[in-house]
Amino acid sequence: NHCLFRQVPAGEFDDNSIARLESAKQLLAKLHYVSIKDFRNILSDRQRAEDPIWSPYKPVFGLDVGTLCTVIMDLTRGELHLRLGTDSAAGFGIYRL
């Protein structure tokens, strides 16, 4: 996820980004081999209430900030897996690269 807003002070989301990265590292450390399904699960994680990896929209500085989309690239198979937004019913579309 990337947040580029001129109205938001630089570095405002650093703590959130670092916490989400640490969550991903902890989940990855439990795996010996990482499949696309594993990546989907990691990038869908919401265990940390304050800083979930798959972040629902919440107001910050008068803006709704959250996960815009989730993208996973399988370069071996030439596939891009894309899920828009934060709706838990939304699935991943698969696109050929």
Protein backbone atom coordinates (compact mmCIF):
# COMPACT_ATOMS: atom_id res chain seq x y z
CA ASN A 1 0.00 0.00 0.00
CA HIS A 2 1.19 3.47 -0.75
CA CYS A 3 -0.16 6.76 0.52
CA LEU A 4 0.77 9.93 -1.35
CA PHE A 5 -1.21 12.91 -0.13
CA ARG A 6 0.13 16.42 -0.01
CA GLN A 7 -2.17 17.23 2.91
CA VAL A 8 -0.59 14.56 5.13
CA PRO A 9 2.76 15.31 6.82
CA ALA A 10 5.68 13.22 5.53
CA GLY A 11 6.25 10.12 7.65
CA GLU A 12 2.79 10.20 9.22
CA PHE A 13 2.12 6.54 8.31
CA ASP A 14 5.62 5.17 9.02
CA ASP A 15 4.61 3.41 12.27
CA ASN A 16 1.65 1.76 10.53
CA SER A 17 3.78 0.63 7.58
CA ILE A 18 6.49 -0.76 9.85
CA ALA A 19 3.93 -2.65 11.98
CA ARG A 20 2.30 -4.16 8.88
CA LEU A 21 5.70 -5.17 7.46
CA GLU A 22 6.61 -6.86 10.77
CA SER A 23 3.32 -8.78 10.70
CA ALA A 24 4.10 -10.01 7.18
CA LYS A 25 7.64 -11.03 8.20
CA GLN A 26 6.29 -13.03 11.16
CA LEU A 27 3.75 -14.82 8.98
CA LEU A 28 6.37 -15.55 6.29
CA ALA A 29 8.83 -16.89 8.88
CA LYS A 30 6.41 -19.74 9.67
CA LEU A 31 6.57 -21.06 6.09
CA HIS A 32 9.26 -23.13 4.33
CA TYR A 33 7.84 -22.70 0.83
CA VAL A 34 5.56 -19.79 -0.05
CA SER A 35 2.74 -20.40 -2.52
CA ILE A 36 0.40 -17.89 -4.13
CA LYS A 37 -2.26 -19.08 -1.66
CA ASP A 38 0.13 -18.29 1.22
CA PHE A 39 0.74 -14.80 -0.17
CA ARG A 40 -3.01 -14.27 -0.47
CA ASN A 41 -3.46 -15.29 3.16
CA ILE A 42 -0.62 -13.07 4.39
CA LEU A 43 -1.84 -10.04 2.44
CA SER A 44 -5.38 -10.69 3.75
CA ASP A 45 -4.26 -10.73 7.38
CA ARG A 46 -6.26 -8.63 9.85
CA GLN A 47 -4.95 -10.00 13.17
CA ARG A 48 -3.56 -6.68 14.40
CA ALA A 49 -6.54 -4.50 15.20
CA GLU A 50 -4.62 -1.22 14.94
CA ASP A 51 -2.41 -2.02 11.93
CA PRO A 52 -3.84 -4.87 9.85
CA ILE A 53 -2.03 -5.77 6.63
CA TRP A 54 -5.34 -5.73 4.73
CA SER A 55 -6.51 -2.42 6.12
CA PRO A 56 -10.14 -1.27 6.07
CA TYR A 57 -10.73 2.38 5.25
CA LYS A 58 -10.66 4.80 8.16
CA PRO A 59 -10.62 8.59 8.30
CA VAL A 60 -7.20 10.20 8.68
CA PHE A 61 -6.68 13.94 8.17
CA GLY A 62 -10.13 14.12 6.60
CA LEU A 63 -9.31 11.38 4.06
CA ASP A 64 -10.39 7.73 3.94
CA VAL A 65 -7.17 5.72 4.09
CA GLY A 66 -6.95 1.93 3.64
CA THR A 67 -5.96 -0.82 1.25
CA LEU A 68 -6.71 0.28 -2.31
CA CYS A 69 -5.87 -3.10 -3.83
CA THR A 70 -3.79 -6.22 -3.30
CA VAL A 71 -1.43 -7.34 -6.07
CA ILE A 72 0.55 -10.58 -6.27
CA MET A 73 2.69 -11.40 -9.29
CA ASP A 74 3.55 -14.99 -10.18
CA LEU A 75 6.36 -14.41 -12.65
CA THR A 76 6.93 -18.13 -13.22
CA ARG A 77 3.38 -18.56 -14.50
CA GLY A 78 3.10 -15.08 -15.97
CA GLU A 79 0.10 -14.16 -13.79
CA LEU A 80 -0.98 -11.10 -11.86
CA HIS A 81 -3.48 -11.70 -9.03
CA LEU A 82 -5.51 -8.57 -8.20
CA ARG A 83 -8.12 -7.86 -5.52
CA LEU A 84 -9.67 -4.40 -5.28
CA GLY A 85 -10.49 -2.74 -1.97
CA THR A 86 -11.21 -4.22 1.43
CA ASP A 87 -14.44 -6.17 0.92
CA SER A 88 -13.90 -9.63 2.43
CA ALA A 89 -16.26 -11.11 -0.20
CA ALA A 90 -14.07 -9.78 -3.02
CA GLY A 91 -11.97 -12.41 -4.71
CA PHE A 92 -8.79 -12.17 -6.70
CA GLY A 93 -8.92 -11.75 -10.45
CA ILE A 94 -6.12 -13.46 -12.34
CA TYR A 95 -4.61 -11.74 -15.36
CA ARG A 96 -2.00 -13.09 -17.79
CA LEU A 97 1.14 -10.99 -18.06
